[in-house]
Amino acid sequence: MASKMLHFLLESEACQSIQFVEATITPTNRASQSLFQKLARDFHTEIHSDEFFTKDIFPGDEHEEEWRFVVGGPIQH
């Protein structure tokens, strides 16, 4: 469902100038990581990730760090 939604949005006329899609994802959220990796494959573009939000900025001890995933460069429609 999420993949279909992203495709629908990115293929719409309103999003034709979109070149990048960014999301922050925790290291253990493999489903979201896979979703954005698939998006990069489907649109024949690159994906990069880097540390973005460190664990120490979140209150308490239970939240993981979050990595930024960037799909694009530019996205091929």
PDB file of N, CA and C in Angstrom:
ATOM      1  N   MET A   1       0.823  -1.180   0.000  1.00  0.00           N
ATOM      2  CA  MET A   1       0.000   0.000   0.000  1.00  0.00           C
ATOM      3  C   MET A   1       0.880   1.261   0.000  1.00  0.00           C
ATOM      4  N   ALA A   2       1.897   1.302   0.838  1.00  0.00           N
ATOM      5  CA  ALA A   2       2.767   2.482   0.917  1.00  0.00           C
ATOM      6  C   ALA A   2       3.494   2.714  -0.408  1.00  0.00           C
ATOM      7  N   SER A   3       3.947   1.641  -1.029  1.00  0.00           N
ATOM      8  CA  SER A   3       4.648   1.763  -2.306  1.00  0.00           C
ATOM      9  C   SER A   3       3.714   2.330  -3.384  1.00  0.00           C
ATOM     10  N   LYS A   4       2.496   1.828  -3.426  1.00  0.00           N
ATOM     11  CA  LYS A   4       1.524   2.317  -4.403  1.00  0.00           C
ATOM     12  C   LYS A   4       1.210   3.789  -4.167  1.00  0.00           C
ATOM     13  N   MET A   5       1.114   4.189  -2.899  1.00  0.00           N
ATOM     14  CA  MET A   5       0.833   5.578  -2.576  1.00  0.00           C
ATOM     15  C   MET A   5       1.972   6.485  -3.046  1.00  0.00           C
ATOM     16  N   LEU A   6       3.212   6.084  -2.774  1.00  0.00           N
ATOM     17  CA  LEU A   6       4.356   6.884  -3.212  1.00  0.00           C
ATOM     18  C   LEU A   6       4.408   6.995  -4.734  1.00  0.00           C
ATOM     19  N   HIS A   7       4.160   5.896  -5.423  1.00  0.00           N
ATOM     20  CA  HIS A   7       4.143   5.922  -6.892  1.00  0.00           C
ATOM     21  C   HIS A   7       3.057   6.870  -7.399  1.00  0.00           C
ATOM     22  N   PHE A   8       1.877   6.755  -6.818  1.00  0.00           N
ATOM     23  CA  PHE A   8       0.768   7.608  -7.241  1.00  0.00           C
ATOM     24  C   PHE A   8       1.135   9.078  -7.082  1.00  0.00           C
ATOM     25  N   LEU A   9       1.699   9.430  -5.935  1.00  0.00           N
ATOM     26  CA  LEU A   9       2.073  10.828  -5.700  1.00  0.00           C
ATOM     27  C   LEU A   9       3.174  11.291  -6.645  1.00  0.00           C
ATOM     28  N   LEU A  10       4.233  10.503  -6.778  1.00  0.00           N
ATOM     29  CA  LEU A  10       5.369  10.917  -7.602  1.00  0.00           C
ATOM     30  C   LEU A  10       5.058  10.950  -9.090  1.00  0.00           C
ATOM     31  N   GLU A  11       4.072  10.183  -9.509  1.00  0.00           N
ATOM     32  CA  GLU A  11       3.697  10.159 -10.919  1.00  0.00           C
ATOM     33  C   GLU A  11       2.613  11.185 -11.251  1.00  0.00           C
ATOM     34  N   SER A  12       2.142  11.912 -10.241  1.00  0.00           N
ATOM     35  CA  SER A  12       1.105  12.916 -10.491  1.00  0.00           C
ATOM     36  C   SER A  12       1.714  14.153 -11.140  1.00  0.00           C
ATOM     37  N   GLU A  13       0.882  14.898 -11.827  1.00  0.00           N
ATOM     38  CA  GLU A  13       1.343  16.110 -12.505  1.00  0.00           C
ATOM     39  C   GLU A  13       1.916  17.115 -11.505  1.00  0.00           C
ATOM     40  N   ALA A  14       1.333  17.192 -10.332  1.00  0.00           N
ATOM     41  CA  ALA A  14       1.781  18.155  -9.321  1.00  0.00           C
ATOM     42  C   ALA A  14       3.196  17.872  -8.819  1.00  0.00           C
ATOM     43  N   CYS A  15       3.669  16.645  -8.981  1.00  0.00           N
ATOM     44  CA  CYS A  15       4.987  16.264  -8.454  1.00  0.00           C
ATOM     45  C   CYS A  15       6.040  16.062  -9.538  1.00  0.00           C
ATOM     46  N   GLN A  16       5.789  16.517 -10.746  1.00  0.00           N
ATOM     47  CA  GLN A  16       6.733  16.291 -11.842  1.00  0.00           C
ATOM     48  C   GLN A  16       8.085  16.943 -11.620  1.00  0.00           C
ATOM     49  N   SER A  17       8.153  17.988 -10.812  1.00  0.00           N
ATOM     50  CA  SER A  17       9.438  18.648 -10.582  1.00  0.00           C
ATOM     51  C   SER A  17      10.185  18.093  -9.361  1.00  0.00           C
ATOM     52  N   ILE A  18       9.613  17.133  -8.688  1.00  0.00           N
ATOM     53  CA  ILE A  18      10.259  16.525  -7.510  1.00  0.00           C
ATOM     54  C   ILE A  18      11.521  15.793  -7.957  1.00  0.00           C
ATOM     55  N   GLN A  19      12.623  16.064  -7.295  1.00  0.00           N
ATOM     56  CA  GLN A  19      13.878  15.395  -7.620  1.00  0.00           C
ATOM     57  C   GLN A  19      14.352  14.475  -6.508  1.00  0.00           C
ATOM     58  N   PHE A  20      13.911  14.731  -5.279  1.00  0.00           N
ATOM     59  CA  PHE A  20      14.365  13.940  -4.139  1.00  0.00           C
ATOM     60  C   PHE A  20      13.205  13.635  -3.205  1.00  0.00           C
ATOM     61  N   VAL A  21      13.280  12.485  -2.569  1.00  0.00           N
ATOM     62  CA  VAL A  21      12.361  12.116  -1.497  1.00  0.00           C
ATOM     63  C   VAL A  21      13.238  11.786  -0.300  1.00  0.00           C
ATOM     64  N   GLU A  22      12.928  12.373   0.847  1.00  0.00           N
ATOM     65  CA  GLU A  22      13.712  12.140   2.053  1.00  0.00           C
ATOM     66  C   GLU A  22      12.816  11.602   3.157  1.00  0.00           C
ATOM     67  N   ALA A  23      13.395  10.742   3.983  1.00  0.00           N
ATOM     68  CA  ALA A  23      12.691  10.215   5.155  1.00  0.00           C
ATOM     69  C   ALA A  23      13.722   9.883   6.216  1.00  0.00           C
ATOM     70  N   THR A  24      13.330   9.989   7.476  1.00  0.00           N
ATOM     71  CA  THR A  24      14.198   9.500   8.544  1.00  0.00           C
ATOM     72  C   THR A  24      13.628   8.175   9.027  1.00  0.00           C
ATOM     73  N   ILE A  25      14.536   7.217   9.232  1.00  0.00           N
ATOM     74  CA  ILE A  25      14.140   5.853   9.567  1.00  0.00           C
ATOM     75  C   ILE A  25      15.095   5.312  10.623  1.00  0.00           C
ATOM     76  N   THR A  26      14.550   4.631  11.619  1.00  0.00           N
ATOM     77  CA  THR A  26      15.399   4.019  12.638  1.00  0.00           C
ATOM     78  C   THR A  26      16.104   2.793  12.049  1.00  0.00           C
ATOM     79  N   PRO A  27      17.263   2.431  12.599  1.00  0.00           N
ATOM     80  CA  PRO A  27      18.023   1.296  12.063  1.00  0.00           C
ATOM     81  C   PRO A  27      17.272  -0.043  12.099  1.00  0.00           C
ATOM     82  N   THR A  28      16.358  -0.213  13.036  1.00  0.00           N
ATOM     83  CA  THR A  28      15.642  -1.488  13.125  1.00  0.00           C
ATOM     84  C   THR A  28      14.368  -1.524  12.291  1.00  0.00           C
ATOM     85  N   ASN A  29      14.006  -0.429  11.653  1.00  0.00           N
ATOM     86  CA  ASN A  29      12.793  -0.406  10.835  1.00  0.00           C
ATOM     87  C   ASN A  29      13.122  -0.872   9.415  1.00  0.00           C
ATOM     88  N   ARG A  30      13.310  -2.163   9.285  1.00  0.00           N
ATOM     89  CA  ARG A  30      13.696  -2.752   7.996  1.00  0.00           C
ATOM     90  C   ARG A  30      12.614  -2.586   6.934  1.00  0.00           C
ATOM     91  N   ALA A  31      11.357  -2.589   7.346  1.00  0.00           N
ATOM     92  CA  ALA A  31      10.266  -2.446   6.369  1.00  0.00           C
ATOM     93  C   ALA A  31      10.331  -1.086   5.675  1.00  0.00           C
ATOM     94  N   SER A  32      10.529  -0.034   6.438  1.00  0.00           N
ATOM     95  CA  SER A  32      10.622   1.307   5.832  1.00  0.00           C
ATOM     96  C   SER A  32      11.879   1.440   4.986  1.00  0.00           C
ATOM     97  N   GLN A  33      12.980   0.881   5.449  1.00  0.00           N
ATOM     98  CA  GLN A  33      14.209   0.918   4.656  1.00  0.00           C
ATOM     99  C   GLN A  33      13.982   0.218   3.316  1.00  0.00           C
ATOM    100  N   SER A  34      13.343  -0.924   3.348  1.00  0.00           N
ATOM    101  CA  SER A  34      13.052  -1.676   2.118  1.00  0.00           C
ATOM    102  C   SER A  34      12.136  -0.894   1.187  1.00  0.00           C
ATOM    103  N   LEU A  35      11.156  -0.208   1.761  1.00  0.00           N
ATOM    104  CA  LEU A  35      10.228   0.593   0.961  1.00  0.00           C
ATOM    105  C   LEU A  35      10.981   1.643   0.149  1.00  0.00           C
ATOM    106  N   PHE A  36      11.894   2.365   0.778  1.00  0.00           N
ATOM    107  CA  PHE A  36      12.615   3.417   0.073  1.00  0.00           C
ATOM    108  C   PHE A  36      13.687   2.854  -0.856  1.00  0.00           C
ATOM    109  N   GLN A  37      14.262   1.719  -0.526  1.00  0.00           N
ATOM    110  CA  GLN A  37      15.192   1.066  -1.452  1.00  0.00           C
ATOM    111  C   GLN A  37      14.451   0.621  -2.712  1.00  0.00           C
ATOM    112  N   LYS A  38      13.246   0.095  -2.536  1.00  0.00           N
ATOM    113  CA  LYS A  38      12.424  -0.306  -3.681  1.00  0.00           C
ATOM    114  C   LYS A  38      12.032   0.912  -4.517  1.00  0.00           C
ATOM    115  N   LEU A  39      11.712   2.020  -3.854  1.00  0.00           N
ATOM    116  CA  LEU A  39      11.363   3.235  -4.580  1.00  0.00           C
ATOM    117  C   LEU A  39      12.516   3.672  -5.477  1.00  0.00           C
ATOM    118  N   ALA A  40      13.737   3.616  -4.962  1.00  0.00           N
ATOM    119  CA  ALA A  40      14.911   3.978  -5.761  1.00  0.00           C
ATOM    120  C   ALA A  40      15.058   3.041  -6.960  1.00  0.00           C
ATOM    121  N   ARG A  41      14.877   1.753  -6.743  1.00  0.00           N
ATOM    122  CA  ARG A  41      14.967   0.788  -7.860  1.00  0.00           C
ATOM    123  C   ARG A  41      13.875   1.046  -8.893  1.00  0.00           C
ATOM    124  N   ASP A  42      12.650   1.242  -8.419  1.00  0.00           N
ATOM    125  CA  ASP A  42      11.518   1.444  -9.326  1.00  0.00           C
ATOM    126  C   ASP A  42      11.690   2.678 -10.206  1.00  0.00           C
ATOM    127  N   PHE A  43      12.311   3.727  -9.669  1.00  0.00           N
ATOM    128  CA  PHE A  43      12.493   4.965 -10.424  1.00  0.00           C
ATOM    129  C   PHE A  43      13.903   5.088 -11.005  1.00  0.00           C
ATOM    130  N   HIS A  44      14.655   3.997 -10.935  1.00  0.00           N
ATOM    131  CA  HIS A  44      15.995   3.946 -11.536  1.00  0.00           C
ATOM    132  C   HIS A  44      16.865   5.121 -11.094  1.00  0.00           C
ATOM    133  N   THR A  45      16.934   5.299  -9.794  1.00  0.00           N
ATOM    134  CA  THR A  45      17.728   6.389  -9.240  1.00  0.00           C
ATOM    135  C   THR A  45      18.513   5.905  -8.028  1.00  0.00           C
ATOM    136  N   GLU A  46      19.251   6.790  -7.430  1.00  0.00           N
ATOM    137  CA  GLU A  46      20.135   6.443  -6.324  1.00  0.00           C
ATOM    138  C   GLU A  46      19.438   6.582  -4.983  1.00  0.00           C
ATOM    139  N   ILE A  47      20.035   5.943  -3.965  1.00  0.00           N
ATOM    140  CA  ILE A  47      19.596   6.129  -2.588  1.00  0.00           C
ATOM    141  C   ILE A  47      20.844   6.255  -1.726  1.00  0.00           C
ATOM    142  N   HIS A  48      20.802   7.206  -0.813  1.00  0.00           N
ATOM    143  CA  HIS A  48      21.911   7.432   0.114  1.00  0.00           C
ATOM    144  C   HIS A  48      21.338   7.524   1.520  1.00  0.00           C
ATOM    145  N   SER A  49      22.124   7.147   2.497  1.00  0.00           N
ATOM    146  CA  SER A  49      21.686   7.311   3.885  1.00  0.00           C
ATOM    147  C   SER A  49      22.844   7.800   4.733  1.00  0.00           C
ATOM    148  N   ASP A  50      22.484   8.540   5.780  1.00  0.00           N
ATOM    149  CA  ASP A  50      23.475   9.001   6.742  1.00  0.00           C
ATOM    150  C   ASP A  50      22.785   9.242   8.083  1.00  0.00           C
ATOM    151  N   GLU A  51      23.600   9.268   9.138  1.00  0.00           N
ATOM    152  CA  GLU A  51      23.050   9.523  10.466  1.00  0.00           C
ATOM    153  C   GLU A  51      22.485  10.933  10.485  1.00  0.00           C
ATOM    154  N   PHE A  52      21.293  11.088  11.052  1.00  0.00           N
ATOM    155  CA  PHE A  52      20.628  12.385  11.018  1.00  0.00           C
ATOM    156  C   PHE A  52      20.231  12.857  12.414  1.00  0.00           C
ATOM    157  N   PHE A  53      19.417  12.081  13.116  1.00  0.00           N
ATOM    158  CA  PHE A  53      19.035  12.401  14.484  1.00  0.00           C
ATOM    159  C   PHE A  53      19.722  11.404  15.411  1.00  0.00           C
ATOM    160  N   THR A  54      20.578  11.900  16.284  1.00  0.00           N
ATOM    161  CA  THR A  54      21.259  11.010  17.221  1.00  0.00           C
ATOM    162  C   THR A  54      20.332  10.685  18.390  1.00  0.00           C
ATOM    163  N   LYS A  55      20.595   9.562  19.005  1.00  0.00           N
ATOM    164  CA  LYS A  55      19.757   9.063  20.099  1.00  0.00           C
ATOM    165  C   LYS A  55      19.651  10.072  21.240  1.00  0.00           C
ATOM    166  N   ASP A  56      20.701  10.819  21.488  1.00  0.00           N
ATOM    167  CA  ASP A  56      20.733  11.722  22.641  1.00  0.00           C
ATOM    168  C   ASP A  56      19.796  12.924  22.514  1.00  0.00           C
ATOM    169  N   ILE A  57      19.242  13.202  21.345  1.00  0.00           N
ATOM    170  CA  ILE A  57      18.330  14.349  21.226  1.00  0.00           C
ATOM    171  C   ILE A  57      16.895  13.985  21.601  1.00  0.00           C
ATOM    172  N   PHE A  58      16.607  12.689  21.740  1.00  0.00           N
ATOM    173  CA  PHE A  58      15.268  12.244  22.099  1.00  0.00           C
ATOM    174  C   PHE A  58      15.157  12.086  23.614  1.00  0.00           C
ATOM    175  N   PRO A  59      14.002  12.411  24.181  1.00  0.00           N
ATOM    176  CA  PRO A  59      13.834  12.246  25.629  1.00  0.00           C
ATOM    177  C   PRO A  59      13.813  10.754  26.001  1.00  0.00           C
ATOM    178  N   GLY A  60      14.334  10.445  27.168  1.00  0.00           N
ATOM    179  CA  GLY A  60      14.353   9.059  27.623  1.00  0.00           C
ATOM    180  C   GLY A  60      15.437   8.257  26.934  1.00  0.00           C
ATOM    181  N   ASP A  61      15.432   6.973  27.194  1.00  0.00           N
ATOM    182  CA  ASP A  61      16.466   6.090  26.649  1.00  0.00           C
ATOM    183  C   ASP A  61      15.940   5.099  25.624  1.00  0.00           C
ATOM    184  N   GLU A  62      14.685   5.219  25.245  1.00  0.00           N
ATOM    185  CA  GLU A  62      14.078   4.169  24.430  1.00  0.00           C
ATOM    186  C   GLU A  62      14.037   4.455  22.936  1.00  0.00           C
ATOM    187  N   HIS A  63      14.319   5.661  22.515  1.00  0.00           N
ATOM    188  CA  HIS A  63      14.229   5.983  21.086  1.00  0.00           C
ATOM    189  C   HIS A  63      15.584   5.773  20.420  1.00  0.00           C
ATOM    190  N   GLU A  64      15.562   5.082  19.301  1.00  0.00           N
ATOM    191  CA  GLU A  64      16.785   4.867  18.522  1.00  0.00           C
ATOM    192  C   GLU A  64      17.172   6.132  17.768  1.00  0.00           C
ATOM    193  N   GLU A  65      18.416   6.159  17.295  1.00  0.00           N
ATOM    194  CA  GLU A  65      18.799   7.217  16.370  1.00  0.00           C
ATOM    195  C   GLU A  65      17.992   7.024  15.085  1.00  0.00           C
ATOM    196  N   GLU A  66      17.974   8.055  14.263  1.00  0.00           N
ATOM    197  CA  GLU A  66      17.282   7.959  12.978  1.00  0.00           C
ATOM    198  C   GLU A  66      18.248   8.345  11.877  1.00  0.00           C
ATOM    199  N   TRP A  67      18.214   7.572  10.829  1.00  0.00           N
ATOM    200  CA  TRP A  67      19.038   7.816   9.652  1.00  0.00           C
ATOM    201  C   TRP A  67      18.186   8.495   8.604  1.00  0.00           C
ATOM    202  N   ARG A  68      18.792   9.407   7.859  1.00  0.00           N
ATOM    203  CA  ARG A  68      18.102  10.074   6.747  1.00  0.00           C
ATOM    204  C   ARG A  68      18.357   9.266   5.482  1.00  0.00           C
ATOM    205  N   PHE A  69      17.300   8.900   4.817  1.00  0.00           N
ATOM    206  CA  PHE A  69      17.373   8.219   3.529  1.00  0.00           C
ATOM    207  C   PHE A  69      16.951   9.218   2.462  1.00  0.00           C
ATOM    208  N   VAL A  70      17.788   9.392   1.450  1.00  0.00           N
ATOM    209  CA  VAL A  70      17.508  10.326   0.362  1.00  0.00           C
ATOM    210  C   VAL A  70      17.480   9.523  -0.934  1.00  0.00           C
ATOM    211  N   VAL A  71      16.317   9.545  -1.569  1.00  0.00           N
ATOM    212  CA  VAL A  71      16.112   8.871  -2.852  1.00  0.00           C
ATOM    213  C   VAL A  71      16.082   9.952  -3.910  1.00  0.00           C
ATOM    214  N   GLY A  72      16.901   9.790  -4.958  1.00  0.00           N
ATOM    215  CA  GLY A  72      16.803  10.747  -6.042  1.00  0.00           C
ATOM    216  C   GLY A  72      18.126  11.188  -6.585  1.00  0.00           C
ATOM    217  N   GLY A  73      17.994  12.005  -7.612  1.00  0.00           N
ATOM    218  CA  GLY A  73      19.184  12.601  -8.195  1.00  0.00           C
ATOM    219  C   GLY A  73      19.252  12.591  -9.695  1.00  0.00           C
ATOM    220  N   PRO A  74      18.315  13.078 -10.391  1.00  0.00           N
ATOM    221  CA  PRO A  74      16.883  13.272 -10.128  1.00  0.00           C
ATOM    222  C   PRO A  74      16.096  11.993 -10.371  1.00  0.00           C
ATOM    223  N   ILE A  75      14.890  11.966  -9.849  1.00  0.00           N
ATOM    224  CA  ILE A  75      13.999  10.809 -10.045  1.00  0.00           C
ATOM    225  C   ILE A  75      13.585  10.765 -11.508  1.00  0.00           C
ATOM    226  N   GLN A  76      13.674   9.600 -12.097  1.00  0.00           N
ATOM    227  CA  GLN A  76      13.296   9.394 -13.507  1.00  0.00           C
ATOM    228  C   GLN A  76      11.821   9.003 -13.594  1.00  0.00           C
ATOM    229  N   HIS A  77      10.986   9.844 -14.191  1.00  0.00           N
ATOM    230  CA  HIS A  77       9.549   9.521 -14.333  1.00  0.00           C
ATOM    231  C   HIS A  77       9.317   8.743 -15.595  1.00  0.00           C
TER     232      HIS A  77
END
